[in-house]
Amino acid sequence: MNISHNIGCYEIDRDPRYKDVSSFIISPPHILKMSHSIDFAANNAQYASTFTQGHLPLPPSKKIIVVTCMDARVEPAGQLGIGLGEAHVIRNAGGLAKDALRSVVISQRLLGTREIAVFHHTGCGMLTFTSPEIKQLVKDAQPGDADVAVAVDAIDFGPFPELENSVKSDVEFLKGNPLILEGTKISGWTYDVTSGKIQQVV
């Protein structure tokens, strides 16, 4: 796979962390038998022992939605100063607005949010592949499985070749979508995983 997309100040094919998405593919289920790498129960017991926010209401107090990536280096609460109960944070691969639409509609219509901020980030995995490439990788991992082939072909994985344009495209999608409430404030941003800084694109 020959991949060369610009991410921030470097190119993926010059950074071994992003050279080939196929290195991240986990093949068939027999290798997935493993225990949790995080002790959820112990960590939660510690968290719950000092928890005092059970009184918070269901609607987010700041009436804002943040749409962002599932990337493990992205942590909206700390990076954006969002407190518990203040915002709806909707995450998916790439922070794509189309994937987030179902949640956005519920958030706006039932829980009163009136602002949407879209955040994409440098070094995103969505910059490293095309839909045909990841579909073929999935098929190759389970050759001859017709159900897998049909299922993966039905998915639009939504990769994008350029960061800022992907943000602009998502903002345009939201602004032009009839399901988004009229008067909703919509902005688009990038987050730099190397510096921790954000920049408004639109």
Foldseek 3Di string as FASTA:
>chain_A
DQAWFDFPPGTQCVDVVQNACLVVDDFDDVVVPDDDPDPVVVVVVVVVVPDDPPPADDAAQQLEEEQEEPDPLDDCCVLVVDDPRHYHYHYYQQSALVVCVVVQLCNCPPRNRQEYEYEGEGPGNLQRDALVVVLVSQCVSPPPPVVSNVVSVVDHPDRDNHDLVSQVVRQVCQVPDPSRDPNRHYWYWYAYSVPSDIDTSD
